[in-house]
Every structure is written in C-alpha cells, then in structure tokens.
C-alpha cells in the first residue's frame, strides 16, 4: 500500500534530506587516493550525529556500517574497511540514509577519484542525468513507469545497461515502502503519481551486461563481468507542481 505524506511529515523528511544531501556533497573532498572506505564511513557517521540525527543504515537488516561504499565493479552495498584505500582512477559510489524524528531520507552519488577513464566519466554523468530525466516525469497524473522509462531511455542511449534486479522504492517512516520504483518501464503503466508520494529514485547502470552476483560477505553486489557500475539516488516528493528533491544540496545543483 502506498502511504501518502502530509506537509508536516514531508517537512520532517526534508530536515533529514538536507543533512543527507550535505553529507554527500561534502564527501567530494575525501575522494582522493589514500582515503580508506572506513574514513568515508566515519565522516558520514560523525556528520549525521553532529546534526542530531541517526545514520539509518547502521544495523539495518544487519548491515554493519553507516554508509555503503562501493568501488568500480561494485554496484551497491559495499562494506567500509580500514584497509580498503581509494586509488587514482577509481569510481566510488556512496549510499547514505538519515533518520530524523522517525522519518527517513536516502540518497547516493558516484564519484571519480582523480582522473578517470572516459567511459567512467561518461557513466558517472549518465547516472546523474538519467535521474534528472526521470525527475521530469514526476508529475501528478503521470504513471510510475513513466519515471523508469525516462531513466532507461537515457541510460541505453549512452550504450550502458540498466540494472533490473535492484530498484528504487517508496520511503517515509521506513526506508523501504511501496511502491517499487523500477529504472525501466512502459509509458502509461503503473500506479498514478499522486501528491504526497515520497520516492527514492535511484538509477543503477553497468558498463557491460547487467548480470550481477553477491560476494561472500553477503552484502557487496558486483558486476559478474568485472566491468564498472554507477549509482545515483535522491529522495523525491510528488507535489501539485514541480517535484521536490529533498536530498540535493544547493551547491550540487549544477
């Protein structure tokens, strides 16, 4: 069942989302060779706690960290580790959740470490651009799969593969609520977009085939062919007009 949010509830989610967006923007400074993935996790934890909020991911379904940090062929759910250091040319995605007074926001970015390959740079850009293509479809009266179709069209036009196994989701008091928000779809299909819907929209794409596997840690999802992956996500609210993006820092709008 899709739970519509009131203005008051959206306000609480916006407080959470502001912190999520700020943390992800400020993480850009850590994306340099020699930074450990645990350094990233510590920064996320300290920043969220300093804002008086709670890192949503820590302990969620047993996840052992505050952020998911995934490198190169890792798509999602990478576990931070003190011994894992970033290197020149790496592609790093970081997924963060913040809870404020019981209300959750969720967002992710993919970053370049130093100079990356042309393909990597194009993937990072496509992940972001496909989100904004999907955002254009976030209007009352449209259908849910209009979002996925816009995302899919953008990704495939750039020659990358859309991930089918992992999707976005509704969000609110729980990190995962109805509906599932696919990154692919058929125009005009799915539930009607309605004022008060809160959605975590998160394009995921791969350089090669979108065939995935989970590592022995039980969390980290990688491409089966070892090629690159990218991920970009924001928490979005459907309004009577322009969609409201809760997790995008003002400095990150270019």
C-alpha atoms as a PDB file:
ATOM      1  CA  UNK A   1       0.000   0.000   0.000  1.00  0.00           C
ATOM      2  CA  UNK A   2       1.364   3.433  -0.959  1.00  0.00           C
ATOM      3  CA  UNK A   3       1.399   5.827   2.006  1.00  0.00           C
ATOM      4  CA  UNK A   4       0.894   9.488   1.138  1.00  0.00           C
ATOM      5  CA  UNK A   5       2.708  12.009   3.309  1.00  0.00           C
ATOM      6  CA  UNK A   6       1.274  15.142   4.886  1.00  0.00           C
ATOM      7  CA  UNK A   7       3.005  18.529   4.654  1.00  0.00           C
ATOM      8  CA  UNK A   8       4.192  18.128   8.250  1.00  0.00           C
ATOM      9  CA  UNK A   9       5.666  14.722   7.543  1.00  0.00           C
ATOM     10  CA  UNK A  10       7.339  15.996   4.389  1.00  0.00           C
ATOM     11  CA  UNK A  11       8.861  18.775   6.488  1.00  0.00           C
ATOM     12  CA  UNK A  12      10.451  16.215   8.799  1.00  0.00           C
ATOM     13  CA  UNK A  13      11.752  14.255   5.825  1.00  0.00           C
ATOM     14  CA  UNK A  14      13.137  17.479   4.373  1.00  0.00           C
ATOM     15  CA  UNK A  15      15.139  18.042   7.551  1.00  0.00           C
ATOM     16  CA  UNK A  16      16.639  14.597   7.164  1.00  0.00           C
ATOM     17  CA  UNK A  17      17.166  15.078   3.447  1.00  0.00           C
ATOM     18  CA  UNK A  18      19.052  18.327   3.909  1.00  0.00           C
ATOM     19  CA  UNK A  19      21.635  16.534   6.031  1.00  0.00           C
ATOM     20  CA  UNK A  20      21.855  13.626   3.589  1.00  0.00           C
ATOM     21  CA  UNK A  21      22.485  15.967   0.678  1.00  0.00           C
ATOM     22  CA  UNK A  22      25.066  17.996   2.587  1.00  0.00           C
ATOM     23  CA  UNK A  23      26.997  14.905   3.660  1.00  0.00           C
ATOM     24  CA  UNK A  24      27.119  13.562   0.115  1.00  0.00           C
ATOM     25  CA  UNK A  25      28.254  16.920  -1.261  1.00  0.00           C
ATOM     26  CA  UNK A  26      30.989  17.329   1.338  1.00  0.00           C
ATOM     27  CA  UNK A  27      32.225  13.779   0.740  1.00  0.00           C
ATOM     28  CA  UNK A  28      33.707  15.004  -2.531  1.00  0.00           C
ATOM     29  CA  UNK A  29      36.681  16.286  -0.536  1.00  0.00           C
ATOM     30  CA  UNK A  30      37.516  12.756   0.633  1.00  0.00           C
ATOM     31  CA  UNK A  31      37.531  11.247  -2.855  1.00  0.00           C
ATOM     32  CA  UNK A  32      41.297  11.163  -3.263  1.00  0.00           C
ATOM     33  CA  UNK A  33      43.935   8.413  -3.369  1.00  0.00           C
ATOM     34  CA  UNK A  34      44.777   7.009   0.056  1.00  0.00           C
ATOM     35  CA  UNK A  35      41.404   7.660   1.685  1.00  0.00           C
ATOM     36  CA  UNK A  36      40.054   4.444   3.181  1.00  0.00           C
ATOM     37  CA  UNK A  37      36.458   3.421   2.767  1.00  0.00           C
ATOM     38  CA  UNK A  38      36.312   3.411   6.570  1.00  0.00           C
ATOM     39  CA  UNK A  39      37.352   7.088   6.540  1.00  0.00           C
ATOM     40  CA  UNK A  40      34.296   7.739   4.394  1.00  0.00           C
ATOM     41  CA  UNK A  41      32.081   5.800   6.793  1.00  0.00           C
ATOM     42  CA  UNK A  42      33.432   7.719   9.806  1.00  0.00           C
ATOM     43  CA  UNK A  43      32.802  11.044   8.103  1.00  0.00           C
ATOM     44  CA  UNK A  44      29.226  10.020   7.330  1.00  0.00           C
ATOM     45  CA  UNK A  45      28.573   8.876  10.897  1.00  0.00           C
ATOM     46  CA  UNK A  46      30.140  11.932  12.548  1.00  0.00           C
ATOM     47  CA  UNK A  47      28.327  14.365  10.249  1.00  0.00           C
ATOM     48  CA  UNK A  48      24.919  12.789  10.819  1.00  0.00           C
ATOM     49  CA  UNK A  49      25.339  12.538  14.590  1.00  0.00           C
ATOM     50  CA  UNK A  50      26.575  16.157  14.769  1.00  0.00           C
ATOM     51  CA  UNK A  51      23.278  17.189  13.160  1.00  0.00           C
ATOM     52  CA  UNK A  52      21.371  15.375  15.910  1.00  0.00           C
ATOM     53  CA  UNK A  53      20.126  12.677  13.575  1.00  0.00           C
ATOM     54  CA  UNK A  54      20.611   8.928  13.157  1.00  0.00           C
ATOM     55  CA  UNK A  55      22.512   7.011  10.436  1.00  0.00           C
ATOM     56  CA  UNK A  56      19.720   4.834   9.041  1.00  0.00           C
ATOM     57  CA  UNK A  57      21.884   2.116   7.553  1.00  0.00           C
ATOM     58  CA  UNK A  58      23.794   1.122  10.698  1.00  0.00           C
ATOM     59  CA  UNK A  59      22.266  -2.185  11.775  1.00  0.00           C
ATOM     60  CA  UNK A  60      19.560  -2.081   9.100  1.00  0.00           C
ATOM     61  CA  UNK A  61      18.875  -5.760   8.341  1.00  0.00           C
ATOM     62  CA  UNK A  62      22.250  -6.387   9.955  1.00  0.00           C
ATOM     63  CA  UNK A  63      24.324  -4.019   7.785  1.00  0.00           C
ATOM     64  CA  UNK A  64      27.496  -3.260   9.770  1.00  0.00           C
ATOM     65  CA  UNK A  65      28.242   0.329   8.702  1.00  0.00           C
ATOM     66  CA  UNK A  66      26.798   3.827   8.342  1.00  0.00           C
ATOM     67  CA  UNK A  67      27.249   4.072   4.577  1.00  0.00           C
ATOM     68  CA  UNK A  68      27.504   1.707   1.640  1.00  0.00           C
ATOM     69  CA  UNK A  69      30.791   2.386  -0.172  1.00  0.00           C
ATOM     70  CA  UNK A  70      31.181   0.538  -3.484  1.00  0.00           C
ATOM     71  CA  UNK A  71      34.202   0.755  -5.810  1.00  0.00           C
ATOM     72  CA  UNK A  72      34.473   0.164  -9.577  1.00  0.00           C
ATOM     73  CA  UNK A  73      32.703  -3.149 -10.369  1.00  0.00           C
ATOM     74  CA  UNK A  74      30.811  -2.986  -7.053  1.00  0.00           C
ATOM     75  CA  UNK A  75      27.283  -1.754  -7.683  1.00  0.00           C
ATOM     76  CA  UNK A  76      25.834  -1.422  -4.172  1.00  0.00           C
ATOM     77  CA  UNK A  77      26.177  -2.415  -0.508  1.00  0.00           C
ATOM     78  CA  UNK A  78      29.972  -2.302  -0.252  1.00  0.00           C
ATOM     79  CA  UNK A  79      31.099  -2.591   3.385  1.00  0.00           C
ATOM     80  CA  UNK A  80      33.617   0.078   4.509  1.00  0.00           C
ATOM     81  CA  UNK A  81      37.002  -1.253   5.602  1.00  0.00           C
ATOM     82  CA  UNK A  82      40.078   0.401   7.114  1.00  0.00           C
ATOM     83  CA  UNK A  83      42.359  -1.485   4.748  1.00  0.00           C
ATOM     84  CA  UNK A  84      40.481  -0.591   1.548  1.00  0.00           C
ATOM     85  CA  UNK A  85      42.122   2.526   0.092  1.00  0.00           C
ATOM     86  CA  UNK A  86      40.939   4.605  -2.829  1.00  0.00           C
ATOM     87  CA  UNK A  87      43.263   4.756  -5.833  1.00  0.00           C
ATOM     88  CA  UNK A  88      43.661   7.145  -8.750  1.00  0.00           C
ATOM     89  CA  UNK A  89      41.057   6.372 -11.401  1.00  0.00           C
ATOM     90  CA  UNK A  90      38.585   4.631  -9.084  1.00  0.00           C
ATOM     91  CA  UNK A  91      34.838   5.069  -9.412  1.00  0.00           C
ATOM     92  CA  UNK A  92      33.205   5.172  -5.962  1.00  0.00           C
ATOM     93  CA  UNK A  93      29.515   5.142  -5.110  1.00  0.00           C
ATOM     94  CA  UNK A  94      28.344   6.081  -1.629  1.00  0.00           C
ATOM     95  CA  UNK A  95      24.794   5.445  -0.420  1.00  0.00           C
ATOM     96  CA  UNK A  96      23.601   7.210   2.758  1.00  0.00           C
ATOM     97  CA  UNK A  97      20.406   7.179   4.804  1.00  0.00           C
ATOM     98  CA  UNK A  98      19.461   9.610   7.578  1.00  0.00           C
ATOM     99  CA  UNK A  99      16.613   9.317  10.092  1.00  0.00           C
ATOM    100  CA  UNK A 100      15.131  12.431  11.741  1.00  0.00           C
ATOM    101  CA  UNK A 101      12.354  12.064  14.313  1.00  0.00           C
ATOM    102  CA  UNK A 102      11.453   8.727  12.779  1.00  0.00           C
ATOM    103  CA  UNK A 103      11.444   9.930   9.161  1.00  0.00           C
ATOM    104  CA  UNK A 104      13.972   8.695   6.627  1.00  0.00           C
ATOM    105  CA  UNK A 105      15.788  10.086   3.590  1.00  0.00           C
ATOM    106  CA  UNK A 106      18.017   8.067   1.262  1.00  0.00           C
ATOM    107  CA  UNK A 107      20.445   9.193  -1.453  1.00  0.00           C
ATOM    108  CA  UNK A 108      23.579   8.108  -3.304  1.00  0.00           C
ATOM    109  CA  UNK A 109      26.276   9.596  -5.509  1.00  0.00           C
ATOM    110  CA  UNK A 110      29.038   8.158  -7.666  1.00  0.00           C
ATOM    111  CA  UNK A 111      32.385   9.990  -7.554  1.00  0.00           C
ATOM    112  CA  UNK A 112      35.583   9.992  -9.595  1.00  0.00           C
ATOM    113  CA  UNK A 113      38.883   9.629  -7.745  1.00  0.00           C
ATOM    114  CA  UNK A 114      41.332  11.843  -9.600  1.00  0.00           C
ATOM    115  CA  UNK A 115      41.473  11.294 -13.350  1.00  0.00           C
ATOM    116  CA  UNK A 116      39.175   8.504 -14.519  1.00  0.00           C
ATOM    117  CA  UNK A 117      38.709   6.908 -17.922  1.00  0.00           C
ATOM    118  CA  UNK A 118      36.432   8.489 -20.483  1.00  0.00           C
ATOM    119  CA  UNK A 119      33.983   5.622 -20.088  1.00  0.00           C
ATOM    120  CA  UNK A 120      33.953   6.031 -16.296  1.00  0.00           C
ATOM    121  CA  UNK A 121      33.358   9.781 -16.537  1.00  0.00           C
ATOM    122  CA  UNK A 122      30.514   9.227 -19.002  1.00  0.00           C
ATOM    123  CA  UNK A 123      28.953   6.582 -16.742  1.00  0.00           C
ATOM    124  CA  UNK A 124      29.048   8.874 -13.722  1.00  0.00           C
ATOM    125  CA  UNK A 125      27.416  11.641 -15.722  1.00  0.00           C
ATOM    126  CA  UNK A 126      24.798   9.308 -17.211  1.00  0.00           C
ATOM    127  CA  UNK A 127      23.796   8.041 -13.766  1.00  0.00           C
ATOM    128  CA  UNK A 128      23.092  11.630 -12.692  1.00  0.00           C
ATOM    129  CA  UNK A 129      21.482  12.720 -15.953  1.00  0.00           C
ATOM    130  CA  UNK A 130      19.178   9.701 -16.030  1.00  0.00           C
ATOM    131  CA  UNK A 131      17.912  10.639 -12.563  1.00  0.00           C
ATOM    132  CA  UNK A 132      17.003  14.107 -13.791  1.00  0.00           C
ATOM    133  CA  UNK A 133      15.326  12.661 -16.861  1.00  0.00           C
ATOM    134  CA  UNK A 134      13.235  10.526 -14.511  1.00  0.00           C
ATOM    135  CA  UNK A 135      12.549  13.563 -12.338  1.00  0.00           C
ATOM    136  CA  UNK A 136      10.899  15.303 -15.280  1.00  0.00           C
ATOM    137  CA  UNK A 137       8.262  12.562 -15.246  1.00  0.00           C
ATOM    138  CA  UNK A 138       7.490  13.092 -11.545  1.00  0.00           C
ATOM    139  CA  UNK A 139       4.240  14.965 -12.090  1.00  0.00           C
ATOM    140  CA  UNK A 140       0.771  14.262 -10.773  1.00  0.00           C
ATOM    141  CA  UNK A 141      -1.251  12.484 -13.426  1.00  0.00           C
ATOM    142  CA  UNK A 142       1.727  10.604 -14.823  1.00  0.00           C
ATOM    143  CA  UNK A 143       2.257   6.917 -14.082  1.00  0.00           C
ATOM    144  CA  UNK A 144       5.044   5.346 -12.066  1.00  0.00           C
ATOM    145  CA  UNK A 145       6.605   3.561 -15.023  1.00  0.00           C
ATOM    146  CA  UNK A 146       6.928   6.877 -16.858  1.00  0.00           C
ATOM    147  CA  UNK A 147       9.811   7.554 -14.454  1.00  0.00           C
ATOM    148  CA  UNK A 148      11.508   4.256 -15.205  1.00  0.00           C
ATOM    149  CA  UNK A 149      11.029   4.643 -18.949  1.00  0.00           C
ATOM    150  CA  UNK A 150      12.735   8.048 -18.902  1.00  0.00           C
ATOM    151  CA  UNK A 151      15.651   6.680 -16.891  1.00  0.00           C
ATOM    152  CA  UNK A 152      16.008   3.619 -19.112  1.00  0.00           C
ATOM    153  CA  UNK A 153      15.914   5.675 -22.289  1.00  0.00           C
ATOM    154  CA  UNK A 154      18.726   7.934 -21.065  1.00  0.00           C
ATOM    155  CA  UNK A 155      20.955   5.064 -19.929  1.00  0.00           C
ATOM    156  CA  UNK A 156      20.510   2.956 -23.034  1.00  0.00           C
ATOM    157  CA  UNK A 157      21.035   5.929 -25.350  1.00  0.00           C
ATOM    158  CA  UNK A 158      24.549   6.180 -23.879  1.00  0.00           C
ATOM    159  CA  UNK A 159      25.230   2.496 -24.527  1.00  0.00           C
ATOM    160  CA  UNK A 160      25.088   1.345 -20.909  1.00  0.00           C
ATOM    161  CA  UNK A 161      22.922  -1.376 -19.346  1.00  0.00           C
ATOM    162  CA  UNK A 162      20.055  -0.771 -16.925  1.00  0.00           C
ATOM    163  CA  UNK A 163      20.147  -2.844 -13.722  1.00  0.00           C
ATOM    164  CA  UNK A 164      16.926  -4.842 -13.421  1.00  0.00           C
ATOM    165  CA  UNK A 165      17.440  -6.654 -10.111  1.00  0.00           C
ATOM    166  CA  UNK A 166      17.676  -3.578  -7.869  1.00  0.00           C
ATOM    167  CA  UNK A 167      15.122  -0.781  -7.894  1.00  0.00           C
ATOM    168  CA  UNK A 168      14.097   2.370  -6.088  1.00  0.00           C
ATOM    169  CA  UNK A 169      11.300   2.454  -3.552  1.00  0.00           C
ATOM    170  CA  UNK A 170       8.809   4.390  -1.553  1.00  0.00           C
ATOM    171  CA  UNK A 171      10.197   5.940   1.623  1.00  0.00           C
ATOM    172  CA  UNK A 172       8.916   7.523   4.832  1.00  0.00           C
ATOM    173  CA  UNK A 173       8.902   6.073   8.322  1.00  0.00           C
ATOM    174  CA  UNK A 174      10.613   3.040   6.829  1.00  0.00           C
ATOM    175  CA  UNK A 175      13.457   3.099   4.357  1.00  0.00           C
ATOM    176  CA  UNK A 176      11.596   0.644   2.135  1.00  0.00           C
ATOM    177  CA  UNK A 177       7.914   1.266   1.454  1.00  0.00           C
ATOM    178  CA  UNK A 178       5.635   0.675  -1.511  1.00  0.00           C
ATOM    179  CA  UNK A 179       5.884   1.191  -4.414  1.00  0.00           C
ATOM    180  CA  UNK A 180       8.919  -0.311  -6.133  1.00  0.00           C
ATOM    181  CA  UNK A 181      10.385   2.292  -8.481  1.00  0.00           C
ATOM    182  CA  UNK A 182      11.957   0.489 -11.429  1.00  0.00           C
ATOM    183  CA  UNK A 183      14.642   2.071 -13.604  1.00  0.00           C
ATOM    184  CA  UNK A 184      12.858   0.767 -16.674  1.00  0.00           C
ATOM    185  CA  UNK A 185       9.243   0.570 -17.715  1.00  0.00           C
ATOM    186  CA  UNK A 186       6.429   1.103 -20.166  1.00  0.00           C
ATOM    187  CA  UNK A 187       4.955   4.610 -20.517  1.00  0.00           C
ATOM    188  CA  UNK A 188       1.488   4.902 -19.036  1.00  0.00           C
ATOM    189  CA  UNK A 189       1.833   1.845 -16.805  1.00  0.00           C
ATOM    190  CA  UNK A 190       1.870   1.564 -13.021  1.00  0.00           C
ATOM    191  CA  UNK A 191       0.177   3.492 -10.207  1.00  0.00           C
ATOM    192  CA  UNK A 192      -0.845   7.096 -10.801  1.00  0.00           C
ATOM    193  CA  UNK A 193       1.608   9.611  -9.353  1.00  0.00           C
ATOM    194  CA  UNK A 194      -0.215  11.448  -6.570  1.00  0.00           C
ATOM    195  CA  UNK A 195       0.597  14.441  -4.379  1.00  0.00           C
ATOM    196  CA  UNK A 196       2.259  13.246  -1.176  1.00  0.00           C
ATOM    197  CA  UNK A 197       4.088  10.249  -2.654  1.00  0.00           C
ATOM    198  CA  UNK A 198       7.690  10.061  -1.420  1.00  0.00           C
ATOM    199  CA  UNK A 199      10.021   8.047  -3.651  1.00  0.00           C
ATOM    200  CA  UNK A 200      13.676   7.100  -3.548  1.00  0.00           C
ATOM    201  CA  UNK A 201      14.568   7.203  -7.237  1.00  0.00           C
ATOM    202  CA  UNK A 202      17.927   5.547  -7.916  1.00  0.00           C
ATOM    203  CA  UNK A 203      19.233   4.815 -11.391  1.00  0.00           C
ATOM    204  CA  UNK A 204      21.814   1.990 -11.484  1.00  0.00           C
ATOM    205  CA  UNK A 205      23.757   1.127 -14.599  1.00  0.00           C
ATOM    206  CA  UNK A 206      26.628  -1.037 -15.718  1.00  0.00           C
ATOM    207  CA  UNK A 207      29.324  -0.695 -18.342  1.00  0.00           C
ATOM    208  CA  UNK A 208      28.781  -4.225 -19.621  1.00  0.00           C
ATOM    209  CA  UNK A 209      25.940  -6.680 -19.186  1.00  0.00           C
ATOM    210  CA  UNK A 210      23.742  -6.057 -16.141  1.00  0.00           C
ATOM    211  CA  UNK A 211      24.471  -9.502 -14.710  1.00  0.00           C
ATOM    212  CA  UNK A 212      25.274  -9.338 -11.007  1.00  0.00           C
ATOM    213  CA  UNK A 213      26.492 -11.500  -8.165  1.00  0.00           C
ATOM    214  CA  UNK A 214      26.815 -11.071  -4.406  1.00  0.00           C
ATOM    215  CA  UNK A 215      30.192 -11.577  -2.735  1.00  0.00           C
ATOM    216  CA  UNK A 216      30.828 -13.941   0.163  1.00  0.00           C
ATOM    217  CA  UNK A 217      30.306 -11.117   2.708  1.00  0.00           C
ATOM    218  CA  UNK A 218      26.605 -11.449   1.903  1.00  0.00           C
ATOM    219  CA  UNK A 219      26.260  -7.759   1.032  1.00  0.00           C
ATOM    220  CA  UNK A 220      28.505  -6.461  -1.727  1.00  0.00           C
ATOM    221  CA  UNK A 221      26.883  -6.708  -5.173  1.00  0.00           C
ATOM    222  CA  UNK A 222      29.280  -6.691  -8.144  1.00  0.00           C
ATOM    223  CA  UNK A 223      29.060  -6.995 -11.907  1.00  0.00           C
ATOM    224  CA  UNK A 224      29.669 -10.583 -12.989  1.00  0.00           C
ATOM    225  CA  UNK A 225      31.973  -9.435 -15.800  1.00  0.00           C
ATOM    226  CA  UNK A 226      34.046  -7.154 -13.578  1.00  0.00           C
ATOM    227  CA  UNK A 227      33.112  -4.031 -15.531  1.00  0.00           C
ATOM    228  CA  UNK A 228      32.183  -0.704 -13.968  1.00  0.00           C
ATOM    229  CA  UNK A 229      28.909   0.193 -12.283  1.00  0.00           C
ATOM    230  CA  UNK A 230      27.389   3.514 -11.199  1.00  0.00           C
ATOM    231  CA  UNK A 231      24.529   4.638  -8.952  1.00  0.00           C
ATOM    232  CA  UNK A 232      22.774   7.968  -8.311  1.00  0.00           C
ATOM    233  CA  UNK A 233      19.819   8.497  -5.984  1.00  0.00           C
ATOM    234  CA  UNK A 234      17.641  11.148  -4.376  1.00  0.00           C
ATOM    235  CA  UNK A 235      14.531  11.195  -2.233  1.00  0.00           C
ATOM    236  CA  UNK A 236      11.740  12.946  -4.153  1.00  0.00           C
ATOM    237  CA  UNK A 237       8.237  14.067  -3.164  1.00  0.00           C
ATOM    238  CA  UNK A 238       5.407  14.361  -5.691  1.00  0.00           C
ATOM    239  CA  UNK A 239       3.633  17.725  -5.281  1.00  0.00           C
ATOM    240  CA  UNK A 240       0.872  19.511  -7.147  1.00  0.00           C
ATOM    241  CA  UNK A 241       3.550  21.072  -9.348  1.00  0.00           C
ATOM    242  CA  UNK A 242       7.320  20.688  -9.593  1.00  0.00           C
ATOM    243  CA  UNK A 243       8.657  17.608  -7.774  1.00  0.00           C
ATOM    244  CA  UNK A 244      10.511  18.318  -4.550  1.00  0.00           C
ATOM    245  CA  UNK A 245      14.009  16.828  -4.267  1.00  0.00           C
ATOM    246  CA  UNK A 246      14.802  16.528  -0.554  1.00  0.00           C
ATOM    247  CA  UNK A 247      18.384  15.258  -0.714  1.00  0.00           C
ATOM    248  CA  UNK A 248      20.093  17.590  -3.187  1.00  0.00           C
ATOM    249  CA  UNK A 249      22.430  20.156  -1.627  1.00  0.00           C
ATOM    250  CA  UNK A 250      22.076  23.664  -3.101  1.00  0.00           C
ATOM    251  CA  UNK A 251      25.785  23.517  -4.055  1.00  0.00           C
ATOM    252  CA  UNK A 252      25.196  20.307  -6.009  1.00  0.00           C
ATOM    253  CA  UNK A 253      22.576  21.504  -8.479  1.00  0.00           C
ATOM    254  CA  UNK A 254      24.830  22.138 -11.487  1.00  0.00           C
END
